[in-house]
Amino acid sequence: MKKTVLTLFIPFIIVLLTSADGEGAKWYVDNAVSASGNGKSWKTAFSSFSDIKWEKIMPGDFIYISGGPLGGSKMYSESWFVGASGAEGHPVTIALDASNSDHNGTVVFDYDALGDIATADAITLNNRRYITINGNVKGQNHLIFKNLRNITSNPRGVGEGSTEANCITGLGNRNIVIDHVDFVNCNNPIRLRGGGPGNEVMHSNFRGVRGDVAIMIDGG
């Protein structure tokens, strides 16, 4: 009798463990799609970041941005807010679909159209937890922020420098990981203020920093 009970319950336990440890859902953003879809495949991708249904994004989910075919690039100029948090061991990951050669070219966020007095921020992460932004494709940086600059607001070398025009910014963040990202000709590439522990920057390059700092991370 005991043997029969064990046989019935062990498979049930295995199913529960597999479900709890499984990979999160995958969501897709591609500004080349003809019409914004439900975001669940490249064919039905969101056409802009404002179309993302953040209430459906769960810890462990991936948001893939199309960089076009490998060897090429695709440009974005949108400013957007991350509207969901991950959890310990299950971050929300914003990345490239690294194994898909139709979409793992370079994602370029280029704000040159805003000119020399930009006040916009590229990505805002206010009060978010466990977010990973990862541009790694086979060890190469395939995520670039360019030309987000403001030359009139406290030019570098005067006072604290310019605090305008931030590429990745936020207040009250914890466990934000920025990995394999390049920043070129921007005021303040990374500015995370008033947050807590666990924020990290790795394998990233900074060229032509025009404002206050390349990386500002404060908090506990």
Protein backbone atom coordinates (compact mmCIF):
# COMPACT_ATOMS: atom_id res chain seq x y z
CA MET A 1 0.00 0.00 0.00
CA LYS A 2 2.80 2.43 0.89
CA LYS A 3 4.51 1.70 -2.40
CA THR A 4 1.36 2.54 -4.34
CA VAL A 5 0.98 5.92 -2.60
CA LEU A 6 4.56 6.91 -3.42
CA THR A 7 4.08 5.98 -7.04
CA LEU A 8 1.04 8.24 -7.30
CA PHE A 9 2.53 11.31 -5.65
CA ILE A 10 6.13 11.47 -6.93
CA PRO A 11 5.20 12.37 -10.55
CA PHE A 12 2.91 15.12 -9.23
CA ILE A 13 5.74 16.67 -7.22
CA ILE A 14 8.07 16.59 -10.23
CA VAL A 15 5.53 18.46 -12.37
CA LEU A 16 5.22 21.21 -9.79
CA LEU A 17 8.99 21.69 -9.53
CA THR A 18 9.38 21.85 -13.29
CA SER A 19 6.67 24.48 -13.59
CA ALA A 20 8.13 26.63 -10.80
CA ASP A 21 11.65 26.58 -12.26
CA GLY A 22 10.68 26.95 -15.93
CA GLU A 23 11.64 29.87 -18.18
CA GLY A 24 9.35 32.86 -18.30
CA ALA A 25 7.30 34.03 -21.27
CA LYS A 26 8.97 35.71 -24.23
CA TRP A 27 7.75 39.01 -25.65
CA TYR A 28 8.95 40.73 -28.82
CA VAL A 29 9.39 44.35 -30.00
CA ASP A 30 10.15 45.18 -33.64
CA ASN A 31 9.48 48.62 -35.12
CA ALA A 32 9.45 47.12 -38.63
CA VAL A 33 6.21 45.14 -38.24
CA SER A 34 3.33 46.46 -40.32
CA ALA A 35 0.96 46.58 -37.36
CA SER A 36 1.46 46.12 -33.65
CA GLY A 37 0.38 42.68 -32.49
CA ASN A 38 0.10 40.81 -29.20
CA GLY A 39 3.88 40.69 -28.74
CA LYS A 40 4.05 36.90 -28.48
CA SER A 41 6.21 36.22 -31.58
CA TRP A 42 8.32 38.11 -34.10
CA LYS A 43 5.42 37.99 -36.57
CA THR A 44 3.05 39.50 -34.02
CA ALA A 45 5.59 41.74 -32.25
CA PHE A 46 4.79 45.00 -30.53
CA SER A 47 5.75 47.80 -32.91
CA SER A 48 6.75 50.18 -30.10
CA PHE A 49 7.59 50.03 -26.43
CA SER A 50 4.45 51.97 -25.58
CA ASP A 51 2.45 48.98 -26.85
CA ILE A 52 3.91 46.59 -24.26
CA LYS A 53 1.19 45.32 -21.90
CA TRP A 54 3.20 45.65 -18.72
CA GLU A 55 0.44 44.18 -16.57
CA LYS A 56 1.11 40.88 -18.37
CA ILE A 57 4.88 40.93 -17.83
CA MET A 58 5.77 38.53 -15.01
CA PRO A 59 9.03 37.80 -13.13
CA GLY A 60 11.27 35.66 -15.32
CA ASP A 61 9.88 37.02 -18.60
CA PHE A 62 12.07 38.14 -21.51
CA ILE A 63 11.45 41.19 -23.70
CA TYR A 64 13.38 40.80 -26.95
CA ILE A 65 14.17 43.84 -29.13
CA SER A 66 14.88 43.26 -32.82
CA GLY A 67 18.24 44.47 -34.08
CA GLY A 68 17.50 43.25 -37.60
CA PRO A 69 19.63 40.57 -39.29
CA LEU A 70 23.04 39.70 -37.88
CA GLY A 71 25.66 42.11 -39.22
CA GLY A 72 23.17 44.96 -39.54
CA SER A 73 21.41 47.28 -37.13
CA LYS A 74 18.01 48.74 -36.40
CA MET A 75 17.39 52.20 -34.97
CA TYR A 76 14.92 53.20 -32.27
CA SER A 77 14.35 56.70 -30.89
CA GLU A 78 11.55 56.14 -28.41
CA SER A 79 11.68 57.17 -24.75
CA TRP A 80 9.93 54.62 -22.55
CA PHE A 81 9.24 53.41 -19.03
CA VAL A 82 9.77 49.89 -17.72
CA GLY A 83 6.43 49.09 -16.12
CA ALA A 84 7.05 45.79 -14.30
CA SER A 85 9.54 44.27 -11.87
CA GLY A 86 11.10 40.86 -11.61
CA ALA A 87 11.84 38.84 -8.49
CA GLU A 88 14.90 37.30 -6.92
CA GLY A 89 16.27 34.68 -9.30
CA HIS A 90 13.65 35.64 -11.90
CA PRO A 91 14.45 39.08 -13.34
CA VAL A 92 12.57 40.71 -16.17
CA THR A 93 15.19 40.61 -18.93
CA ILE A 94 15.31 43.16 -21.76
CA ALA A 95 17.66 41.78 -24.38
CA LEU A 96 18.26 40.61 -27.93
CA ASP A 97 17.16 37.23 -29.21
CA ALA A 98 20.82 36.22 -29.38
CA SER A 99 20.37 32.89 -31.18
CA ASN A 100 18.09 34.28 -33.91
CA SER A 101 20.18 35.61 -36.82
CA ASP A 102 17.15 37.39 -38.30
CA HIS A 103 16.93 39.66 -35.26
CA ASN A 104 20.27 39.65 -33.40
CA GLY A 105 21.85 42.55 -35.25
CA THR A 106 22.60 45.70 -33.25
CA VAL A 107 19.83 47.62 -31.50
CA VAL A 108 20.66 51.33 -31.67
CA PHE A 109 18.78 53.87 -29.58
CA ASP A 110 19.70 57.08 -31.39
CA TYR A 111 18.39 60.43 -30.15
CA ASP A 112 20.28 62.71 -32.52
CA ALA A 113 16.98 64.18 -33.77
CA LEU A 114 16.54 65.85 -30.36
CA GLY A 115 19.56 68.02 -31.09
CA ASP A 116 21.93 69.63 -28.60
CA ILE A 117 19.39 70.53 -25.90
CA ALA A 118 17.67 67.21 -25.24
CA THR A 119 15.82 66.89 -21.93
CA ALA A 120 14.44 63.41 -22.55
CA ASP A 121 15.48 60.19 -20.83
CA ALA A 122 15.78 57.04 -22.90
CA ILE A 123 14.69 54.28 -20.47
CA THR A 124 13.21 55.04 -17.05
CA LEU A 125 13.11 52.42 -14.30
CA ASN A 126 11.48 54.16 -11.36
CA ASN A 127 11.00 51.90 -8.31
CA ARG A 128 11.78 48.73 -10.26
CA ARG A 129 13.40 45.58 -8.90
CA TYR A 130 15.31 42.79 -10.62
CA ILE A 131 15.57 44.17 -14.15
CA THR A 132 18.34 43.01 -16.49
CA ILE A 133 19.24 44.96 -19.64
CA ASN A 134 21.52 42.76 -21.71
CA GLY A 135 22.99 43.47 -25.14
CA ASN A 136 25.17 40.36 -25.31
CA VAL A 137 25.25 38.51 -28.64
CA LYS A 138 28.07 35.93 -28.72
CA GLY A 139 30.21 38.09 -26.45
CA GLN A 140 29.67 41.29 -28.47
CA ASN A 141 27.77 44.42 -27.41
CA HIS A 142 24.69 44.65 -29.62
CA LEU A 143 22.86 47.36 -27.69
CA ILE A 144 23.93 50.98 -28.16
CA PHE A 145 22.66 54.34 -26.90
CA LYS A 146 23.78 57.35 -28.96
CA ASN A 147 23.54 61.13 -29.14
CA LEU A 148 21.36 61.88 -26.12
CA ARG A 149 22.93 65.20 -25.17
CA ASN A 150 22.27 68.62 -23.70
CA ILE A 151 25.06 71.17 -24.03
CA THR A 152 23.25 74.10 -22.37
CA SER A 153 22.37 72.71 -18.93
CA ASN A 154 25.39 73.13 -16.63
CA PRO A 155 28.00 72.19 -19.24
CA ARG A 156 30.58 69.71 -18.04
CA GLY A 157 33.18 71.33 -15.83
CA VAL A 158 30.78 73.90 -14.35
CA GLY A 159 29.24 73.01 -11.01
CA GLU A 160 28.11 69.40 -10.90
CA GLY A 161 27.82 69.07 -14.67
CA SER A 162 24.68 68.44 -16.64
CA THR A 163 22.03 66.20 -15.13
CA GLU A 164 19.81 66.41 -18.23
CA ALA A 165 19.48 63.68 -20.86
CA ASN A 166 19.97 60.28 -19.22
CA CYS A 167 20.12 57.01 -21.15
CA ILE A 168 19.13 54.57 -18.38
CA THR A 169 17.74 56.27 -15.31
CA GLY A 170 15.54 55.65 -12.31
CA LEU A 171 14.70 56.35 -8.69
CA GLY A 172 14.46 53.79 -5.92
CA ASN A 173 15.80 50.80 -7.85
CA ARG A 174 17.29 47.53 -6.61
CA ASN A 175 18.99 44.69 -8.44
CA ILE A 176 19.25 46.40 -11.83
CA VAL A 177 21.86 44.71 -14.05
CA ILE A 178 23.19 46.48 -17.17
CA ASP A 179 25.37 44.17 -19.26
CA HIS A 180 27.07 44.44 -22.68
CA VAL A 181 25.75 47.93 -23.50
CA ASP A 182 27.61 50.74 -25.31
CA PHE A 183 27.01 54.47 -24.79
CA VAL A 184 28.27 57.03 -27.31
CA ASN A 185 28.04 60.85 -27.18
CA CYS A 186 25.51 60.97 -24.34
CA ASN A 187 25.26 63.23 -21.32
CA ASN A 188 24.65 60.72 -18.55
CA PRO A 189 24.64 57.11 -19.68
CA ILE A 190 23.53 55.53 -16.37
CA ARG A 191 21.95 57.40 -13.47
CA LEU A 192 20.22 55.32 -10.78
CA ARG A 193 19.42 57.38 -7.69
CA GLY A 194 18.03 56.70 -4.24
CA GLY A 195 18.02 52.95 -4.67
CA GLY A 196 19.26 49.97 -2.76
CA PRO A 197 21.80 47.19 -3.22
CA GLY A 198 22.29 44.85 -6.13
CA ASN A 199 22.70 47.34 -9.00
CA GLU A 200 25.50 46.33 -11.37
CA VAL A 201 27.11 47.47 -14.63
CA MET A 202 29.38 45.10 -16.54
CA HIS A 203 31.00 44.62 -19.97
CA SER A 204 29.87 48.07 -21.11
CA ASN A 205 31.69 50.89 -22.93
CA PHE A 206 31.39 54.66 -22.54
CA ARG A 207 32.63 57.15 -25.15
CA GLY A 208 32.06 60.89 -25.32
CA VAL A 209 30.37 61.38 -21.96
CA ARG A 210 29.19 65.01 -22.06
CA GLY A 211 27.38 65.54 -18.77
CA ASP A 212 27.92 64.83 -15.12
CA VAL A 213 28.96 61.16 -14.93
CA ALA A 214 29.22 58.00 -16.98
CA ILE A 215 27.79 55.89 -14.15
CA MET A 216 25.96 57.19 -11.10
CA ILE A 217 24.54 54.55 -8.76
CA ASP A 218 23.72 55.53 -5.21
CA GLY A 219 21.80 53.85 -2.41
CA GLY A 220 22.36 51.17 0.21
